[in-house]
PDB file of N, CA and C in Angstrom:
ATOM      1  N   MET A   1      64.642  50.303 114.138  1.00  0.00           N
ATOM      2  CA  MET A   1      65.072  49.702 115.383  1.00  0.00           C
ATOM      3  C   MET A   1      65.683  50.765 116.284  1.00  0.00           C
ATOM      4  N   ARG A   2      65.303  50.717 117.535  1.00  0.00           N
ATOM      5  CA  ARG A   2      65.767  51.730 118.479  1.00  0.00           C
ATOM      6  C   ARG A   2      67.214  51.465 118.912  1.00  0.00           C
ATOM      7  N   CYS A   3      67.963  52.540 119.072  1.00  0.00           N
ATOM      8  CA  CYS A   3      69.366  52.442 119.468  1.00  0.00           C
ATOM      9  C   CYS A   3      69.537  52.715 120.948  1.00  0.00           C
ATOM     10  N   TYR A   4      68.465  52.607 121.697  1.00  0.00           N
ATOM     11  CA  TYR A   4      68.534  52.827 123.125  1.00  0.00           C
ATOM     12  C   TYR A   4      67.680  51.783 123.825  1.00  0.00           C
ATOM     13  N   ARG A   5      67.946  51.633 125.106  1.00  0.00           N
ATOM     14  CA  ARG A   5      67.130  50.748 125.925  1.00  0.00           C
ATOM     15  C   ARG A   5      66.199  51.618 126.762  1.00  0.00           C
ATOM     16  N   SER A   6      65.174  51.001 127.321  1.00  0.00           N
ATOM     17  CA  SER A   6      64.203  51.746 128.121  1.00  0.00           C
ATOM     18  C   SER A   6      64.581  51.730 129.590  1.00  0.00           C
ATOM     19  N   LEU A   7      64.360  52.865 130.246  1.00  0.00           N
ATOM     20  CA  LEU A   7      64.452  52.899 131.706  1.00  0.00           C
ATOM     21  C   LEU A   7      63.233  52.164 132.230  1.00  0.00           C
ATOM     22  N   ARG A   8      63.435  51.225 133.107  1.00  0.00           N
ATOM     23  CA  ARG A   8      62.313  50.433 133.593  1.00  0.00           C
ATOM     24  C   ARG A   8      62.109  50.545 135.099  1.00  0.00           C
ATOM     25  N   ARG A   9      63.199  50.676 135.832  1.00  0.00           N
ATOM     26  CA  ARG A   9      63.091  50.683 137.292  1.00  0.00           C
ATOM     27  C   ARG A   9      62.876  52.087 137.838  1.00  0.00           C
ATOM     28  N   GLN A  10      62.069  52.166 138.873  1.00  0.00           N
ATOM     29  CA  GLN A  10      61.810  53.455 139.517  1.00  0.00           C
ATOM     30  C   GLN A  10      63.111  54.070 140.022  1.00  0.00           C
ATOM     31  N   GLY A  11      64.039  53.237 140.481  1.00  0.00           N
ATOM     32  CA  GLY A  11      65.318  53.735 140.978  1.00  0.00           C
ATOM     33  C   GLY A  11      66.118  54.455 139.906  1.00  0.00           C
ATOM     34  N   ASP A  12      66.030  53.984 138.659  1.00  0.00           N
ATOM     35  CA  ASP A  12      66.733  54.652 137.560  1.00  0.00           C
ATOM     36  C   ASP A  12      66.143  56.037 137.293  1.00  0.00           C
ATOM     37  N   PHE A  13      64.813  56.123 137.325  1.00  0.00           N
ATOM     38  CA  PHE A  13      64.165  57.429 137.159  1.00  0.00           C
ATOM     39  C   PHE A  13      64.552  58.365 138.304  1.00  0.00           C
ATOM     40  N   THR A  14      64.511  57.851 139.530  1.00  0.00           N
ATOM     41  CA  THR A  14      64.835  58.671 140.700  1.00  0.00           C
ATOM     42  C   THR A  14      66.271  59.179 140.634  1.00  0.00           C
ATOM     43  N   ARG A  15      67.198  58.322 140.197  1.00  0.00           N
ATOM     44  CA  ARG A  15      68.600  58.737 140.062  1.00  0.00           C
ATOM     45  C   ARG A  15      68.720  59.894 139.084  1.00  0.00           C
ATOM     46  N   LEU A  16      68.017  59.817 137.963  1.00  0.00           N
ATOM     47  CA  LEU A  16      68.064  60.904 136.991  1.00  0.00           C
ATOM     48  C   LEU A  16      67.439  62.181 137.545  1.00  0.00           C
ATOM     49  N   TYR A  17      66.329  62.043 138.256  1.00  0.00           N
ATOM     50  CA  TYR A  17      65.666  63.222 138.819  1.00  0.00           C
ATOM     51  C   TYR A  17      66.582  63.929 139.815  1.00  0.00           C
ATOM     52  N   ARG A  18      67.316  63.183 140.583  1.00  0.00           N
ATOM     53  CA  ARG A  18      68.148  63.779 141.642  1.00  0.00           C
ATOM     54  C   ARG A  18      69.508  64.245 141.135  1.00  0.00           C
ATOM     55  N   ARG A  19      70.164  63.449 140.311  1.00  0.00           N
ATOM     56  CA  ARG A  19      71.547  63.736 139.934  1.00  0.00           C
ATOM     57  C   ARG A  19      71.714  64.314 138.540  1.00  0.00           C
ATOM     58  N   GLY A  20      70.704  64.168 137.706  1.00  0.00           N
ATOM     59  CA  GLY A  20      70.829  64.626 136.328  1.00  0.00           C
ATOM     60  C   GLY A  20      70.566  66.107 136.180  1.00  0.00           C
ATOM     61  N   LYS A  21      70.942  66.621 135.032  1.00  0.00           N
ATOM     62  CA  LYS A  21      70.633  68.004 134.675  1.00  0.00           C
ATOM     63  C   LYS A  21      69.201  68.054 134.169  1.00  0.00           C
ATOM     64  N   ARG A  22      68.542  69.175 134.415  1.00  0.00           N
ATOM     65  CA  ARG A  22      67.138  69.310 134.057  1.00  0.00           C
ATOM     66  C   ARG A  22      66.958  70.437 133.054  1.00  0.00           C
ATOM     67  N   PHE A  23      66.115  70.177 132.059  1.00  0.00           N
ATOM     68  CA  PHE A  23      65.702  71.200 131.107  1.00  0.00           C
ATOM     69  C   PHE A  23      64.185  71.260 131.150  1.00  0.00           C
ATOM     70  N   THR A  24      63.649  72.445 131.410  1.00  0.00           N
ATOM     71  CA  THR A  24      62.201  72.610 131.513  1.00  0.00           C
ATOM     72  C   THR A  24      61.700  73.390 130.299  1.00  0.00           C
ATOM     73  N   ALA A  25      60.745  72.805 129.619  1.00  0.00           N
ATOM     74  CA  ALA A  25      60.079  73.442 128.487  1.00  0.00           C
ATOM     75  C   ALA A  25      58.598  73.575 128.842  1.00  0.00           C
ATOM     76  N   PRO A  26      57.842  74.357 128.092  1.00  0.00           N
ATOM     77  CA  PRO A  26      56.415  74.507 128.411  1.00  0.00           C
ATOM     78  C   PRO A  26      55.623  73.202 128.367  1.00  0.00           C
ATOM     79  N   ILE A  27      56.088  72.232 127.577  1.00  0.00           N
ATOM     80  CA  ILE A  27      55.304  70.998 127.427  1.00  0.00           C
ATOM     81  C   ILE A  27      55.966  69.755 127.999  1.00  0.00           C
ATOM     82  N   PHE A  28      57.210  69.868 128.440  1.00  0.00           N
ATOM     83  CA  PHE A  28      57.872  68.700 129.024  1.00  0.00           C
ATOM     84  C   PHE A  28      59.037  69.127 129.894  1.00  0.00           C
ATOM     85  N   VAL A  29      59.508  68.175 130.693  1.00  0.00           N
ATOM     86  CA  VAL A  29      60.735  68.331 131.461  1.00  0.00           C
ATOM     87  C   VAL A  29      61.636  67.186 131.036  1.00  0.00           C
ATOM     88  N   LEU A  30      62.887  67.487 130.748  1.00  0.00           N
ATOM     89  CA  LEU A  30      63.830  66.473 130.309  1.00  0.00           C
ATOM     90  C   LEU A  30      64.995  66.441 131.277  1.00  0.00           C
ATOM     91  N   TYR A  31      65.282  65.263 131.812  1.00  0.00           N
ATOM     92  CA  TYR A  31      66.407  65.047 132.714  1.00  0.00           C
ATOM     93  C   TYR A  31      67.460  64.242 131.971  1.00  0.00           C
ATOM     94  N   ALA A  32      68.739  64.591 132.162  1.00  0.00           N
ATOM     95  CA  ALA A  32      69.810  63.879 131.468  1.00  0.00           C
ATOM     96  C   ALA A  32      71.004  63.702 132.389  1.00  0.00           C
ATOM     97  N   ALA A  33      71.680  62.565 132.226  1.00  0.00           N
ATOM     98  CA  ALA A  33      72.929  62.284 132.943  1.00  0.00           C
ATOM     99  C   ALA A  33      73.789  61.425 132.032  1.00  0.00           C
ATOM    100  N   ARG A  34      75.086  61.492 132.234  1.00  0.00           N
ATOM    101  CA  ARG A  34      76.001  60.635 131.482  1.00  0.00           C
ATOM    102  C   ARG A  34      75.740  59.181 131.842  1.00  0.00           C
ATOM    103  N   ILE A  35      75.952  58.282 130.874  1.00  0.00           N
ATOM    104  CA  ILE A  35      75.709  56.868 131.150  1.00  0.00           C
ATOM    105  C   ILE A  35      76.761  56.353 132.129  1.00  0.00           C
ATOM    106  N   GLY A  36      76.385  55.310 132.869  1.00  0.00           N
ATOM    107  CA  GLY A  36      77.276  54.739 133.857  1.00  0.00           C
ATOM    108  C   GLY A  36      78.431  53.982 133.225  1.00  0.00           C
ATOM    109  N   ALA A  37      79.472  53.750 134.025  1.00  0.00           N
ATOM    110  CA  ALA A  37      80.631  53.002 133.558  1.00  0.00           C
ATOM    111  C   ALA A  37      80.214  51.574 133.218  1.00  0.00           C
ATOM    112  N   GLY A  38      80.674  51.094 132.099  1.00  0.00           N
ATOM    113  CA  GLY A  38      80.350  49.752 131.675  1.00  0.00           C
ATOM    114  C   GLY A  38      79.020  49.623 130.951  1.00  0.00           C
ATOM    115  N   GLN A  39      78.275  50.679 130.867  1.00  0.00           N
ATOM    116  CA  GLN A  39      76.985  50.662 130.180  1.00  0.00           C
ATOM    117  C   GLN A  39      77.228  50.970 128.707  1.00  0.00           C
ATOM    118  N   ARG A  40      76.691  50.161 127.825  1.00  0.00           N
ATOM    119  CA  ARG A  40      76.956  50.319 126.391  1.00  0.00           C
ATOM    120  C   ARG A  40      76.036  51.318 125.714  1.00  0.00           C
ATOM    121  N   ALA A  41      74.752  51.196 125.973  1.00  0.00           N
ATOM    122  CA  ALA A  41      73.773  52.007 125.246  1.00  0.00           C
ATOM    123  C   ALA A  41      73.061  52.976 126.183  1.00  0.00           C
ATOM    124  N   SER A  42      72.530  54.011 125.597  1.00  0.00           N
ATOM    125  CA  SER A  42      71.734  54.968 126.358  1.00  0.00           C
ATOM    126  C   SER A  42      70.446  54.303 126.831  1.00  0.00           C
ATOM    127  N   LYS A  43      69.923  54.819 127.938  1.00  0.00           N
ATOM    128  CA  LYS A  43      68.618  54.390 128.428  1.00  0.00           C
ATOM    129  C   LYS A  43      67.712  55.609 128.426  1.00  0.00           C
ATOM    130  N   ILE A  44      66.506  55.421 127.924  1.00  0.00           N
ATOM    131  CA  ILE A  44      65.565  56.526 127.849  1.00  0.00           C
ATOM    132  C   ILE A  44      64.237  56.080 128.438  1.00  0.00           C
ATOM    133  N   GLY A  45      63.696  56.906 129.323  1.00  0.00           N
ATOM    134  CA  GLY A  45      62.394  56.641 129.914  1.00  0.00           C
ATOM    135  C   GLY A  45      61.434  57.759 129.565  1.00  0.00           C
ATOM    136  N   ILE A  46      60.205  57.401 129.257  1.00  0.00           N
ATOM    137  CA  ILE A  46      59.183  58.386 128.909  1.00  0.00           C
ATOM    138  C   ILE A  46      58.050  58.245 129.909  1.00  0.00           C
ATOM    139  N   SER A  47      57.788  59.313 130.635  1.00  0.00           N
ATOM    140  CA  SER A  47      56.752  59.307 131.660  1.00  0.00           C
ATOM    141  C   SER A  47      55.624  60.239 131.234  1.00  0.00           C
ATOM    142  N   VAL A  48      54.431  59.660 131.107  1.00  0.00           N
ATOM    143  CA  VAL A  48      53.264  60.438 130.709  1.00  0.00           C
ATOM    144  C   VAL A  48      52.173  60.133 131.732  1.00  0.00           C
ATOM    145  N   SER A  49      51.859  61.106 132.582  1.00  0.00           N
ATOM    146  CA  SER A  49      50.919  60.872 133.671  1.00  0.00           C
ATOM    147  C   SER A  49      49.466  60.964 133.205  1.00  0.00           C
ATOM    148  N   LYS A  50      48.575  60.601 134.090  1.00  0.00           N
ATOM    149  CA  LYS A  50      47.143  60.651 133.781  1.00  0.00           C
ATOM    150  C   LYS A  50      46.630  62.081 133.650  1.00  0.00           C
ATOM    151  N   ALA A  51      47.444  63.060 134.048  1.00  0.00           N
ATOM    152  CA  ALA A  51      47.054  64.460 133.868  1.00  0.00           C
ATOM    153  C   ALA A  51      46.987  64.820 132.383  1.00  0.00           C
ATOM    154  N   ILE A  52      47.661  64.056 131.538  1.00  0.00           N
ATOM    155  CA  ILE A  52      47.638  64.292 130.096  1.00  0.00           C
ATOM    156  C   ILE A  52      46.286  63.905 129.517  1.00  0.00           C
ATOM    157  N   GLY A  53      45.699  62.856 130.059  1.00  0.00           N
ATOM    158  CA  GLY A  53      44.414  62.388 129.557  1.00  0.00           C
ATOM    159  C   GLY A  53      44.291  60.884 129.696  1.00  0.00           C
ATOM    160  N   LYS A  54      43.350  60.350 128.979  1.00  0.00           N
ATOM    161  CA  LYS A  54      43.132  58.907 129.025  1.00  0.00           C
ATOM    162  C   LYS A  54      44.242  58.177 128.269  1.00  0.00           C
ATOM    163  N   ALA A  55      44.193  56.857 128.305  1.00  0.00           N
ATOM    164  CA  ALA A  55      45.273  56.030 127.773  1.00  0.00           C
ATOM    165  C   ALA A  55      45.589  56.319 126.303  1.00  0.00           C
ATOM    166  N   VAL A  56      44.575  56.594 125.513  1.00  0.00           N
ATOM    167  CA  VAL A  56      44.803  56.853 124.095  1.00  0.00           C
ATOM    168  C   VAL A  56      45.678  58.089 123.915  1.00  0.00           C
ATOM    169  N   ARG A  57      45.390  59.152 124.654  1.00  0.00           N
ATOM    170  CA  ARG A  57      46.177  60.392 124.554  1.00  0.00           C
ATOM    171  C   ARG A  57      47.575  60.202 125.118  1.00  0.00           C
ATOM    172  N   ARG A  58      47.686  59.470 126.229  1.00  0.00           N
ATOM    173  CA  ARG A  58      49.011  59.224 126.824  1.00  0.00           C
ATOM    174  C   ARG A  58      49.889  58.430 125.862  1.00  0.00           C
ATOM    175  N   ASN A  59      49.318  57.408 125.235  1.00  0.00           N
ATOM    176  CA  ASN A  59      50.085  56.607 124.289  1.00  0.00           C
ATOM    177  C   ASN A  59      50.447  57.400 123.041  1.00  0.00           C
ATOM    178  N   LEU A  60      49.592  58.317 122.627  1.00  0.00           N
ATOM    179  CA  LEU A  60      49.900  59.186 121.498  1.00  0.00           C
ATOM    180  C   LEU A  60      51.139  60.022 121.796  1.00  0.00           C
ATOM    181  N   VAL A  61      51.195  60.613 122.986  1.00  0.00           N
ATOM    182  CA  VAL A  61      52.349  61.426 123.376  1.00  0.00           C
ATOM    183  C   VAL A  61      53.602  60.552 123.426  1.00  0.00           C
ATOM    184  N   ARG A  62      53.489  59.374 124.020  1.00  0.00           N
ATOM    185  CA  ARG A  62      54.638  58.477 124.136  1.00  0.00           C
ATOM    186  C   ARG A  62      55.163  58.086 122.747  1.00  0.00           C
ATOM    187  N   ARG A  63      54.268  57.740 121.834  1.00  0.00           N
ATOM    188  CA  ARG A  63      54.688  57.353 120.490  1.00  0.00           C
ATOM    189  C   ARG A  63      55.311  58.529 119.725  1.00  0.00           C
ATOM    190  N   ARG A  64      54.785  59.720 119.924  1.00  0.00           N
ATOM    191  CA  ARG A  64      55.359  60.903 119.265  1.00  0.00           C
ATOM    192  C   ARG A  64      56.774  61.172 119.771  1.00  0.00           C
ATOM    193  N   VAL A  65      56.979  61.038 121.072  1.00  0.00           N
ATOM    194  CA  VAL A  65      58.316  61.255 121.633  1.00  0.00           C
ATOM    195  C   VAL A  65      59.279  60.199 121.090  1.00  0.00           C
ATOM    196  N   GLN A  66      58.855  58.946 121.041  1.00  0.00           N
ATOM    197  CA  GLN A  66      59.705  57.889 120.499  1.00  0.00           C
ATOM    198  C   GLN A  66      60.047  58.162 119.034  1.00  0.00           C
ATOM    199  N   CYS A  67      59.079  58.600 118.267  1.00  0.00           N
ATOM    200  CA  CYS A  67      59.304  58.897 116.858  1.00  0.00           C
ATOM    201  C   CYS A  67      60.258  60.084 116.698  1.00  0.00           C
ATOM    202  N   ALA A  68      60.117  61.096 117.535  1.00  0.00           N
ATOM    203  CA  ALA A  68      61.017  62.251 117.481  1.00  0.00           C
ATOM    204  C   ALA A  68      62.444  61.833 117.814  1.00  0.00           C
ATOM    205  N   LEU A  69      62.610  60.963 118.797  1.00  0.00           N
ATOM    206  CA  LEU A  69      63.943  60.470 119.140  1.00  0.00           C
ATOM    207  C   LEU A  69      64.535  59.648 118.001  1.00  0.00           C
ATOM    208  N   ASP A  70      63.707  58.833 117.363  1.00  0.00           N
ATOM    209  CA  ASP A  70      64.173  58.047 116.224  1.00  0.00           C
ATOM    210  C   ASP A  70      64.596  58.962 115.074  1.00  0.00           C
ATOM    211  N   ALA A  71      63.843  60.046 114.851  1.00  0.00           N
ATOM    212  CA  ALA A  71      64.157  60.979 113.776  1.00  0.00           C
ATOM    213  C   ALA A  71      65.460  61.732 114.045  1.00  0.00           C
ATOM    214  N   LEU A  72      65.719  62.047 115.310  1.00  0.00           N
ATOM    215  CA  LEU A  72      66.957  62.745 115.659  1.00  0.00           C
ATOM    216  C   LEU A  72      68.177  61.854 115.482  1.00  0.00           C
ATOM    217  N   GLY A  73      67.995  60.570 115.682  1.00  0.00           N
ATOM    218  CA  GLY A  73      69.105  59.627 115.537  1.00  0.00           C
ATOM    219  C   GLY A  73      69.874  59.468 116.826  1.00  0.00           C
ATOM    220  N   PRO A  74      70.646  58.392 116.911  1.00  0.00           N
ATOM    221  CA  PRO A  74      71.356  58.082 118.150  1.00  0.00           C
ATOM    222  C   PRO A  74      72.456  59.083 118.512  1.00  0.00           C
ATOM    223  N   ALA A  75      72.946  59.847 117.556  1.00  0.00           N
ATOM    224  CA  ALA A  75      73.993  60.827 117.872  1.00  0.00           C
ATOM    225  C   ALA A  75      73.476  61.929 118.789  1.00  0.00           C
ATOM    226  N   ALA A  76      72.189  62.215 118.742  1.00  0.00           N
ATOM    227  CA  ALA A  76      71.605  63.286 119.552  1.00  0.00           C
ATOM    228  C   ALA A  76      71.609  62.950 121.040  1.00  0.00           C
ATOM    229  N   TYR A  77      71.497  61.670 121.379  1.00  0.00           N
ATOM    230  CA  TYR A  77      71.429  61.280 122.787  1.00  0.00           C
ATOM    231  C   TYR A  77      72.492  60.251 123.158  1.00  0.00           C
ATOM    232  N   ALA A  78      73.528  60.115 122.342  1.00  0.00           N
ATOM    233  CA  ALA A  78      74.594  59.157 122.629  1.00  0.00           C
ATOM    234  C   ALA A  78      75.259  59.485 123.958  1.00  0.00           C
ATOM    235  N   GLN A  79      75.562  58.449 124.715  1.00  0.00           N
ATOM    236  CA  GLN A  79      76.239  58.556 126.011  1.00  0.00           C
ATOM    237  C   GLN A  79      75.409  59.270 127.075  1.00  0.00           C
ATOM    238  N   LEU A  80      74.080  59.330 126.877  1.00  0.00           N
ATOM    239  CA  LEU A  80      73.199  59.978 127.841  1.00  0.00           C
ATOM    240  C   LEU A  80      72.075  59.038 128.267  1.00  0.00           C
ATOM    241  N   ASP A  81      71.719  59.117 129.539  1.00  0.00           N
ATOM    242  CA  ASP A  81      70.475  58.534 130.021  1.00  0.00           C
ATOM    243  C   ASP A  81      69.479  59.683 130.108  1.00  0.00           C
ATOM    244  N   LEU A  82      68.274  59.468 129.618  1.00  0.00           N
ATOM    245  CA  LEU A  82      67.265  60.531 129.576  1.00  0.00           C
ATOM    246  C   LEU A  82      65.976  60.079 130.227  1.00  0.00           C
ATOM    247  N   ALA A  83      65.312  61.022 130.879  1.00  0.00           N
ATOM    248  CA  ALA A  83      63.955  60.811 131.382  1.00  0.00           C
ATOM    249  C   ALA A  83      63.103  61.968 130.857  1.00  0.00           C
ATOM    250  N   PHE A  84      62.110  61.639 130.061  1.00  0.00           N
ATOM    251  CA  PHE A  84      61.208  62.617 129.475  1.00  0.00           C
ATOM    252  C   PHE A  84      59.918  62.579 130.278  1.00  0.00           C
ATOM    253  N   VAL A  85      59.513  63.723 130.832  1.00  0.00           N
ATOM    254  CA  VAL A  85      58.280  63.819 131.608  1.00  0.00           C
ATOM    255  C   VAL A  85      57.364  64.818 130.902  1.00  0.00           C
ATOM    256  N   ALA A  86      56.247  64.308 130.396  1.00  0.00           N
ATOM    257  CA  ALA A  86      55.311  65.148 129.654  1.00  0.00           C
ATOM    258  C   ALA A  86      54.459  65.980 130.606  1.00  0.00           C
ATOM    259  N   LYS A  87      54.146  67.204 130.175  1.00  0.00           N
ATOM    260  CA  LYS A  87      53.249  68.088 130.916  1.00  0.00           C
ATOM    261  C   LYS A  87      51.916  68.147 130.187  1.00  0.00           C
ATOM    262  N   PRO A  88      50.856  68.560 130.900  1.00  0.00           N
ATOM    263  CA  PRO A  88      49.570  68.725 130.212  1.00  0.00           C
ATOM    264  C   PRO A  88      49.724  69.697 129.038  1.00  0.00           C
ATOM    265  N   GLY A  89      49.090  69.388 127.950  1.00  0.00           N
ATOM    266  CA  GLY A  89      49.219  70.195 126.748  1.00  0.00           C
ATOM    267  C   GLY A  89      50.127  69.556 125.715  1.00  0.00           C
ATOM    268  N   ALA A  90      50.869  68.538 126.098  1.00  0.00           N
ATOM    269  CA  ALA A  90      51.781  67.883 125.163  1.00  0.00           C
ATOM    270  C   ALA A  90      51.033  67.169 124.049  1.00  0.00           C
ATOM    271  N   ALA A  91      49.833  66.699 124.321  1.00  0.00           N
ATOM    272  CA  ALA A  91      49.064  65.973 123.305  1.00  0.00           C
ATOM    273  C   ALA A  91      48.530  66.909 122.221  1.00  0.00           C
ATOM    274  N   GLU A  92      48.306  68.185 122.535  1.00  0.00           N
ATOM    275  CA  GLU A  92      47.764  69.121 121.563  1.00  0.00           C
ATOM    276  C   GLU A  92      48.840  69.700 120.649  1.00  0.00           C
ATOM    277  N   LEU A  93      50.090  69.568 121.026  1.00  0.00           N
ATOM    278  CA  LEU A  93      51.182  70.169 120.279  1.00  0.00           C
ATOM    279  C   LEU A  93      51.428  69.419 118.966  1.00  0.00           C
ATOM    280  N   PRO A  94      51.655  70.130 117.870  1.00  0.00           N
ATOM    281  CA  PRO A  94      51.996  69.452 116.614  1.00  0.00           C
ATOM    282  C   PRO A  94      53.328  68.704 116.748  1.00  0.00           C
ATOM    283  N   PHE A  95      53.452  67.622 115.987  1.00  0.00           N
ATOM    284  CA  PHE A  95      54.651  66.791 116.082  1.00  0.00           C
ATOM    285  C   PHE A  95      55.918  67.584 115.771  1.00  0.00           C
ATOM    286  N   ALA A  96      55.878  68.432 114.753  1.00  0.00           N
ATOM    287  CA  ALA A  96      57.076  69.185 114.355  1.00  0.00           C
ATOM    288  C   ALA A  96      57.575  70.066 115.498  1.00  0.00           C
ATOM    289  N   ARG A  97      56.670  70.685 116.220  1.00  0.00           N
ATOM    290  CA  ARG A  97      57.086  71.547 117.330  1.00  0.00           C
ATOM    291  C   ARG A  97      57.639  70.720 118.487  1.00  0.00           C
ATOM    292  N   LEU A  98      57.004  69.582 118.775  1.00  0.00           N
ATOM    293  CA  LEU A  98      57.506  68.688 119.820  1.00  0.00           C
ATOM    294  C   LEU A  98      58.919  68.228 119.489  1.00  0.00           C
ATOM    295  N   ALA A  99      59.141  67.797 118.247  1.00  0.00           N
ATOM    296  CA  ALA A  99      60.458  67.336 117.828  1.00  0.00           C
ATOM    297  C   ALA A  99      61.486  68.461 117.901  1.00  0.00           C
ATOM    298  N   GLY A 100      61.100  69.665 117.498  1.00  0.00           N
ATOM    299  CA  GLY A 100      62.012  70.804 117.558  1.00  0.00           C
ATOM    300  C   GLY A 100      62.401  71.171 118.976  1.00  0.00           C
ATOM    301  N   GLU A 101      61.433  71.179 119.875  1.00  0.00           N
ATOM    302  CA  GLU A 101      61.734  71.505 121.267  1.00  0.00           C
ATOM    303  C   GLU A 101      62.573  70.417 121.923  1.00  0.00           C
ATOM    304  N   LEU A 102      62.318  69.174 121.569  1.00  0.00           N
ATOM    305  CA  LEU A 102      63.119  68.072 122.103  1.00  0.00           C
ATOM    306  C   LEU A 102      64.564  68.171 121.623  1.00  0.00           C
ATOM    307  N   GLU A 103      64.742  68.493 120.353  1.00  0.00           N
ATOM    308  CA  GLU A 103      66.092  68.655 119.817  1.00  0.00           C
ATOM    309  C   GLU A 103      66.827  69.810 120.499  1.00  0.00           C
ATOM    310  N   ALA A 104      66.142  70.929 120.701  1.00  0.00           N
ATOM    311  CA  ALA A 104      66.759  72.075 121.379  1.00  0.00           C
ATOM    312  C   ALA A 104      67.140  71.728 122.813  1.00  0.00           C
ATOM    313  N   ALA A 105      66.285  70.973 123.495  1.00  0.00           N
ATOM    314  CA  ALA A 105      66.574  70.573 124.871  1.00  0.00           C
ATOM    315  C   ALA A 105      67.802  69.676 124.929  1.00  0.00           C
ATOM    316  N   LEU A 106      67.923  68.769 123.978  1.00  0.00           N
ATOM    317  CA  LEU A 106      69.090  67.878 123.958  1.00  0.00           C
ATOM    318  C   LEU A 106      70.383  68.645 123.710  1.00  0.00           C
ATOM    319  N   VAL A 107      70.323  69.666 122.859  1.00  0.00           N
ATOM    320  CA  VAL A 107      71.512  70.489 122.602  1.00  0.00           C
ATOM    321  C   VAL A 107      71.937  71.207 123.877  1.00  0.00           C
ATOM    322  N   VAL A 108      70.987  71.794 124.584  1.00  0.00           N
ATOM    323  CA  VAL A 108      71.298  72.522 125.820  1.00  0.00           C
ATOM    324  C   VAL A 108      71.856  71.567 126.875  1.00  0.00           C
ATOM    325  N   LEU A 109      71.240  70.408 127.027  1.00  0.00           N
ATOM    326  CA  LEU A 109      71.707  69.446 128.031  1.00  0.00           C
ATOM    327  C   LEU A 109      73.082  68.889 127.695  1.00  0.00           C
ATOM    328  N   ARG A 110      73.365  68.670 126.421  1.00  0.00           N
ATOM    329  CA  ARG A 110      74.703  68.186 126.037  1.00  0.00           C
ATOM    330  C   ARG A 110      75.770  69.200 126.436  1.00  0.00           C
ATOM    331  N   ARG A 111      75.474  70.490 126.217  1.00  0.00           N
ATOM    332  CA  ARG A 111      76.438  71.526 126.623  1.00  0.00           C
ATOM    333  C   ARG A 111      76.618  71.561 128.126  1.00  0.00           C
ATOM    334  N   ALA A 112      75.517  71.386 128.862  1.00  0.00           N
ATOM    335  CA  ALA A 112      75.592  71.444 130.318  1.00  0.00           C
ATOM    336  C   ALA A 112      76.375  70.263 130.893  1.00  0.00           C
ATOM    337  N   LEU A 113      76.329  69.134 130.230  1.00  0.00           N
ATOM    338  CA  LEU A 113      77.019  67.943 130.717  1.00  0.00           C
ATOM    339  C   LEU A 113      78.438  67.813 130.190  1.00  0.00           C
ATOM    340  N   ALA A 114      78.831  68.667 129.271  1.00  0.00           N
ATOM    341  CA  ALA A 114      80.191  68.583 128.691  1.00  0.00           C
ATOM    342  C   ALA A 114      81.242  69.081 129.648  1.00  0.00           C
TER     343      ALA A 114
END
């Protein structure tokens, strides 16, 4: 069971893009901001554009990112809203490398927001 809620509104994504800290990796861009006052759980949005490929490939990337977040556990993204934006090439990357880069990005962003 996931310990976060999904970002659903375009306004939430836009707020993160404008006000959040950004980490750029070769295969993704990760935006992070502290959760709002009164908000209990983190919100995470995963954006995978058609530049990645057809629906099967896009869903593969989305599921891999969700699985990597589940493997890291809620402590890795506690008190953060995140927007994950996949770049072309994310579908070819092995899961272990994707998970490792995601973990490294979260560590850097946590320090930047502290």
